[in-house]
Amino acid sequence: MSKMTSLRDEVLKYTIEEDLQQFNTLAIKRLKDIQCSRIRAGFSSKNANPRELRGKLWPC
């Protein structure tokens, strides 16, 4: 049982994939909530003026 405990402690020292996904999801949600232009710039159309699509400039 002590080997299992020591192994679990070693694994907890590292960031696992699930934690990284949760961190990225929360970071993107935070940027969308503050209406950051870095997030909205990815949704602009090629034929439209990006400033018109994004509207007022919001600092990040």
PDB file of N, CA and C in Angstrom:
ATOM      1  N   MET A   1       0.820  -1.196   0.000  1.00  0.00           N
ATOM      2  CA  MET A   1       0.000   0.000   0.000  1.00  0.00           C
ATOM      3  C   MET A   1       0.866   1.264   0.000  1.00  0.00           C
ATOM      4  N   SER A   2       1.998   1.205   0.610  1.00  0.00           N
ATOM      5  CA  SER A   2       2.856   2.389   0.648  1.00  0.00           C
ATOM      6  C   SER A   2       3.405   2.719  -0.750  1.00  0.00           C
ATOM      7  N   LYS A   3       3.587   1.694  -1.588  1.00  0.00           N
ATOM      8  CA  LYS A   3       4.033   1.951  -2.955  1.00  0.00           C
ATOM      9  C   LYS A   3       2.962   2.705  -3.732  1.00  0.00           C
ATOM     10  N   MET A   4       1.719   2.333  -3.486  1.00  0.00           N
ATOM     11  CA  MET A   4       0.609   3.005  -4.162  1.00  0.00           C
ATOM     12  C   MET A   4       0.517   4.461  -3.711  1.00  0.00           C
ATOM     13  N   THR A   5       0.708   4.700  -2.454  1.00  0.00           N
ATOM     14  CA  THR A   5       0.662   6.061  -1.930  1.00  0.00           C
ATOM     15  C   THR A   5       1.803   6.903  -2.482  1.00  0.00           C
ATOM     16  N   SER A   6       2.990   6.343  -2.529  1.00  0.00           N
ATOM     17  CA  SER A   6       4.132   7.088  -3.052  1.00  0.00           C
ATOM     18  C   SER A   6       3.968   7.362  -4.547  1.00  0.00           C
ATOM     19  N   LEU A   7       3.412   6.399  -5.282  1.00  0.00           N
ATOM     20  CA  LEU A   7       3.158   6.605  -6.710  1.00  0.00           C
ATOM     21  C   LEU A   7       2.133   7.715  -6.925  1.00  0.00           C
ATOM     22  N   ARG A   8       1.075   7.711  -6.116  1.00  0.00           N
ATOM     23  CA  ARG A   8       0.040   8.739  -6.214  1.00  0.00           C
ATOM     24  C   ARG A   8       0.632  10.122  -5.918  1.00  0.00           C
ATOM     25  N   ASP A   9       1.486  10.199  -4.933  1.00  0.00           N
ATOM     26  CA  ASP A   9       2.127  11.472  -4.592  1.00  0.00           C
ATOM     27  C   ASP A   9       3.014  11.969  -5.726  1.00  0.00           C
ATOM     28  N   GLU A  10       3.705  11.073  -6.403  1.00  0.00           N
ATOM     29  CA  GLU A  10       4.557  11.456  -7.530  1.00  0.00           C
ATOM     30  C   GLU A  10       3.725  11.977  -8.700  1.00  0.00           C
ATOM     31  N   VAL A  11       2.606  11.339  -8.966  1.00  0.00           N
ATOM     32  CA  VAL A  11       1.745  11.756 -10.078  1.00  0.00           C
ATOM     33  C   VAL A  11       1.130  13.123  -9.792  1.00  0.00           C
ATOM     34  N   LEU A  12       0.803  13.403  -8.546  1.00  0.00           N
ATOM     35  CA  LEU A  12       0.185  14.678  -8.193  1.00  0.00           C
ATOM     36  C   LEU A  12       1.141  15.854  -8.345  1.00  0.00           C
ATOM     37  N   LYS A  13       2.428  15.601  -8.443  1.00  0.00           N
ATOM     38  CA  LYS A  13       3.401  16.673  -8.629  1.00  0.00           C
ATOM     39  C   LYS A  13       3.330  17.272 -10.026  1.00  0.00           C
ATOM     40  N   TYR A  14       2.817  16.521 -10.984  1.00  0.00           N
ATOM     41  CA  TYR A  14       2.774  16.954 -12.375  1.00  0.00           C
ATOM     42  C   TYR A  14       1.377  17.424 -12.761  1.00  0.00           C
ATOM     43  N   THR A  15       1.308  18.298 -13.760  1.00  0.00           N
ATOM     44  CA  THR A  15       0.039  18.748 -14.300  1.00  0.00           C
ATOM     45  C   THR A  15      -0.422  17.735 -15.336  1.00  0.00           C
ATOM     46  N   ILE A  16      -1.612  17.216 -15.142  1.00  0.00           N
ATOM     47  CA  ILE A  16      -2.118  16.194 -16.059  1.00  0.00           C
ATOM     48  C   ILE A  16      -3.010  16.854 -17.116  1.00  0.00           C
ATOM     49  N   GLU A  17      -3.364  16.095 -18.122  1.00  0.00           N
ATOM     50  CA  GLU A  17      -4.108  16.621 -19.268  1.00  0.00           C
ATOM     51  C   GLU A  17      -5.444  17.227 -18.856  1.00  0.00           C
ATOM     52  N   GLU A  18      -6.138  16.599 -17.949  1.00  0.00           N
ATOM     53  CA  GLU A  18      -7.439  17.092 -17.516  1.00  0.00           C
ATOM     54  C   GLU A  18      -7.312  18.474 -16.872  1.00  0.00           C
ATOM     55  N   ASP A  19      -6.266  18.676 -16.068  1.00  0.00           N
ATOM     56  CA  ASP A  19      -6.040  19.980 -15.446  1.00  0.00           C
ATOM     57  C   ASP A  19      -5.732  21.040 -16.488  1.00  0.00           C
ATOM     58  N   LEU A  20      -4.944  20.673 -17.506  1.00  0.00           N
ATOM     59  CA  LEU A  20      -4.608  21.629 -18.564  1.00  0.00           C
ATOM     60  C   LEU A  20      -5.836  22.023 -19.375  1.00  0.00           C
ATOM     61  N   GLN A  21      -6.705  21.060 -19.661  1.00  0.00           N
ATOM     62  CA  GLN A  21      -7.922  21.357 -20.406  1.00  0.00           C
ATOM     63  C   GLN A  21      -8.820  22.301 -19.612  1.00  0.00           C
ATOM     64  N   GLN A  22      -8.933  22.053 -18.320  1.00  0.00           N
ATOM     65  CA  GLN A  22      -9.760  22.901 -17.475  1.00  0.00           C
ATOM     66  C   GLN A  22      -9.173  24.315 -17.399  1.00  0.00           C
ATOM     67  N   PHE A  23      -7.855  24.415 -17.277  1.00  0.00           N
ATOM     68  CA  PHE A  23      -7.195  25.718 -17.227  1.00  0.00           C
ATOM     69  C   PHE A  23      -7.428  26.500 -18.514  1.00  0.00           C
ATOM     70  N   ASN A  24      -7.272  25.842 -19.670  1.00  0.00           N
ATOM     71  CA  ASN A  24      -7.474  26.505 -20.959  1.00  0.00           C
ATOM     72  C   ASN A  24      -8.918  26.934 -21.158  1.00  0.00           C
ATOM     73  N   THR A  25      -9.849  26.089 -20.756  1.00  0.00           N
ATOM     74  CA  THR A  25     -11.268  26.412 -20.886  1.00  0.00           C
ATOM     75  C   THR A  25     -11.621  27.642 -20.059  1.00  0.00           C
ATOM     76  N   LEU A  26     -11.116  27.681 -18.832  1.00  0.00           N
ATOM     77  CA  LEU A  26     -11.400  28.831 -17.972  1.00  0.00           C
ATOM     78  C   LEU A  26     -10.735  30.103 -18.500  1.00  0.00           C
ATOM     79  N   ALA A  27      -9.534  29.973 -19.069  1.00  0.00           N
ATOM     80  CA  ALA A  27      -8.839  31.140 -19.615  1.00  0.00           C
ATOM     81  C   ALA A  27      -9.594  31.704 -20.808  1.00  0.00           C
ATOM     82  N   ILE A  28     -10.085  30.846 -21.687  1.00  0.00           N
ATOM     83  CA  ILE A  28     -10.853  31.296 -22.853  1.00  0.00           C
ATOM     84  C   ILE A  28     -12.165  31.925 -22.404  1.00  0.00           C
ATOM     85  N   LYS A  29     -12.828  31.322 -21.428  1.00  0.00           N
ATOM     86  CA  LYS A  29     -14.083  31.875 -20.919  1.00  0.00           C
ATOM     87  C   LYS A  29     -13.852  33.251 -20.309  1.00  0.00           C
ATOM     88  N   ARG A  30     -12.763  33.422 -19.575  1.00  0.00           N
ATOM     89  CA  ARG A  30     -12.450  34.713 -18.972  1.00  0.00           C
ATOM     90  C   ARG A  30     -12.231  35.779 -20.046  1.00  0.00           C
ATOM     91  N   LEU A  31     -11.493  35.421 -21.104  1.00  0.00           N
ATOM     92  CA  LEU A  31     -11.251  36.377 -22.185  1.00  0.00           C
ATOM     93  C   LEU A  31     -12.537  36.727 -22.927  1.00  0.00           C
ATOM     94  N   LYS A  32     -13.435  35.751 -23.089  1.00  0.00           N
ATOM     95  CA  LYS A  32     -14.721  36.045 -23.732  1.00  0.00           C
ATOM     96  C   LYS A  32     -15.567  36.952 -22.853  1.00  0.00           C
ATOM     97  N   ASP A  33     -15.514  36.744 -21.527  1.00  0.00           N
ATOM     98  CA  ASP A  33     -16.299  37.559 -20.609  1.00  0.00           C
ATOM     99  C   ASP A  33     -15.863  39.018 -20.634  1.00  0.00           C
ATOM    100  N   ILE A  34     -14.574  39.270 -20.790  1.00  0.00           N
ATOM    101  CA  ILE A  34     -14.107  40.658 -20.833  1.00  0.00           C
ATOM    102  C   ILE A  34     -14.083  41.178 -22.262  1.00  0.00           C
ATOM    103  N   GLN A  35     -14.582  40.398 -23.195  1.00  0.00           N
ATOM    104  CA  GLN A  35     -14.704  40.761 -24.611  1.00  0.00           C
ATOM    105  C   GLN A  35     -13.360  41.177 -25.202  1.00  0.00           C
ATOM    106  N   CYS A  36     -12.385  40.351 -25.014  1.00  0.00           N
ATOM    107  CA  CYS A  36     -11.034  40.613 -25.501  1.00  0.00           C
ATOM    108  C   CYS A  36     -10.998  40.452 -27.025  1.00  0.00           C
ATOM    109  N   SER A  37     -10.283  41.356 -27.687  1.00  0.00           N
ATOM    110  CA  SER A  37     -10.231  41.309 -29.150  1.00  0.00           C
ATOM    111  C   SER A  37      -9.400  40.121 -29.640  1.00  0.00           C
ATOM    112  N   ARG A  38      -8.520  39.560 -28.805  1.00  0.00           N
ATOM    113  CA  ARG A  38      -7.730  38.406 -29.226  1.00  0.00           C
ATOM    114  C   ARG A  38      -8.623  37.194 -29.483  1.00  0.00           C
ATOM    115  N   ILE A  39      -9.690  37.062 -28.718  1.00  0.00           N
ATOM    116  CA  ILE A  39     -10.610  35.933 -28.899  1.00  0.00           C
ATOM    117  C   ILE A  39     -11.498  36.169 -30.112  1.00  0.00           C
ATOM    118  N   ARG A  40     -12.037  37.361 -30.233  1.00  0.00           N
ATOM    119  CA  ARG A  40     -12.989  37.633 -31.309  1.00  0.00           C
ATOM    120  C   ARG A  40     -12.326  37.773 -32.662  1.00  0.00           C
ATOM    121  N   ALA A  41     -11.036  38.022 -32.728  1.00  0.00           N
ATOM    122  CA  ALA A  41     -10.358  38.211 -34.005  1.00  0.00           C
ATOM    123  C   ALA A  41     -10.365  36.936 -34.835  1.00  0.00           C
ATOM    124  N   GLY A  42     -10.436  35.781 -34.197  1.00  0.00           N
ATOM    125  CA  GLY A  42     -10.449  34.520 -34.914  1.00  0.00           C
ATOM    126  C   GLY A  42     -11.733  34.258 -35.661  1.00  0.00           C
ATOM    127  N   PHE A  43     -12.791  35.026 -35.360  1.00  0.00           N
ATOM    128  CA  PHE A  43     -14.085  34.795 -35.989  1.00  0.00           C
ATOM    129  C   PHE A  43     -14.397  35.782 -37.090  1.00  0.00           C
ATOM    130  N   SER A  44     -13.437  36.623 -37.483  1.00  0.00           N
ATOM    131  CA  SER A  44     -13.720  37.641 -38.484  1.00  0.00           C
ATOM    132  C   SER A  44     -13.743  37.029 -39.890  1.00  0.00           C
ATOM    133  N   SER A  45     -14.457  37.688 -40.770  1.00  0.00           N
ATOM    134  CA  SER A  45     -14.586  37.246 -42.151  1.00  0.00           C
ATOM    135  C   SER A  45     -13.471  37.855 -42.989  1.00  0.00           C
ATOM    136  N   LYS A  46     -13.098  37.182 -44.074  1.00  0.00           N
ATOM    137  CA  LYS A  46     -12.040  37.690 -44.953  1.00  0.00           C
ATOM    138  C   LYS A  46     -12.480  38.950 -45.686  1.00  0.00           C
ATOM    139  N   ASN A  47     -13.746  39.012 -46.043  1.00  0.00           N
ATOM    140  CA  ASN A  47     -14.213  40.107 -46.882  1.00  0.00           C
ATOM    141  C   ASN A  47     -14.739  41.303 -46.098  1.00  0.00           C
ATOM    142  N   ALA A  48     -14.802  41.220 -44.794  1.00  0.00           N
ATOM    143  CA  ALA A  48     -15.348  42.318 -44.000  1.00  0.00           C
ATOM    144  C   ALA A  48     -14.221  43.025 -43.246  1.00  0.00           C
ATOM    145  N   ASN A  49     -14.478  44.257 -42.896  1.00  0.00           N
ATOM    146  CA  ASN A  49     -13.526  45.014 -42.112  1.00  0.00           C
ATOM    147  C   ASN A  49     -13.524  44.451 -40.686  1.00  0.00           C
ATOM    148  N   PRO A  50     -12.396  43.985 -40.182  1.00  0.00           N
ATOM    149  CA  PRO A  50     -12.364  43.391 -38.836  1.00  0.00           C
ATOM    150  C   PRO A  50     -12.814  44.361 -37.745  1.00  0.00           C
ATOM    151  N   ARG A  51     -12.540  45.659 -37.920  1.00  0.00           N
ATOM    152  CA  ARG A  51     -12.963  46.626 -36.908  1.00  0.00           C
ATOM    153  C   ARG A  51     -14.479  46.705 -36.846  1.00  0.00           C
ATOM    154  N   GLU A  52     -15.162  46.594 -37.996  1.00  0.00           N
ATOM    155  CA  GLU A  52     -16.622  46.623 -38.000  1.00  0.00           C
ATOM    156  C   GLU A  52     -17.195  45.396 -37.302  1.00  0.00           C
ATOM    157  N   LEU A  53     -16.565  44.260 -37.503  1.00  0.00           N
ATOM    158  CA  LEU A  53     -17.052  43.042 -36.874  1.00  0.00           C
ATOM    159  C   LEU A  53     -16.815  43.048 -35.368  1.00  0.00           C
ATOM    160  N   ARG A  54     -15.690  43.570 -34.947  1.00  0.00           N
ATOM    161  CA  ARG A  54     -15.351  43.548 -33.527  1.00  0.00           C
ATOM    162  C   ARG A  54     -16.015  44.686 -32.768  1.00  0.00           C
ATOM    163  N   GLY A  55     -16.311  45.768 -33.470  1.00  0.00           N
ATOM    164  CA  GLY A  55     -16.909  46.906 -32.807  1.00  0.00           C
ATOM    165  C   GLY A  55     -15.859  47.737 -32.082  1.00  0.00           C
ATOM    166  N   LYS A  56     -16.239  48.276 -30.946  1.00  0.00           N
ATOM    167  CA  LYS A  56     -15.355  49.142 -30.179  1.00  0.00           C
ATOM    168  C   LYS A  56     -14.131  48.356 -29.713  1.00  0.00           C
ATOM    169  N   LEU A  57     -12.968  48.997 -29.707  1.00  0.00           N
ATOM    170  CA  LEU A  57     -11.729  48.353 -29.279  1.00  0.00           C
ATOM    171  C   LEU A  57     -11.717  48.179 -27.783  1.00  0.00           C
ATOM    172  N   TRP A  58     -11.555  46.938 -27.324  1.00  0.00           N
ATOM    173  CA  TRP A  58     -11.492  46.619 -25.892  1.00  0.00           C
ATOM    174  C   TRP A  58     -10.068  46.224 -25.546  1.00  0.00           C
ATOM    175  N   PRO A  59      -9.446  46.904 -24.605  1.00  0.00           N
ATOM    176  CA  PRO A  59      -8.082  46.514 -24.217  1.00  0.00           C
ATOM    177  C   PRO A  59      -8.090  45.206 -23.443  1.00  0.00           C
ATOM    178  N   CYS A  60      -7.047  44.427 -23.616  1.00  0.00           N
ATOM    179  CA  CYS A  60      -6.945  43.152 -22.895  1.00  0.00           C
ATOM    180  C   CYS A  60      -6.152  43.330 -21.626  1.00  0.00           C
TER     181      CYS A  60
END
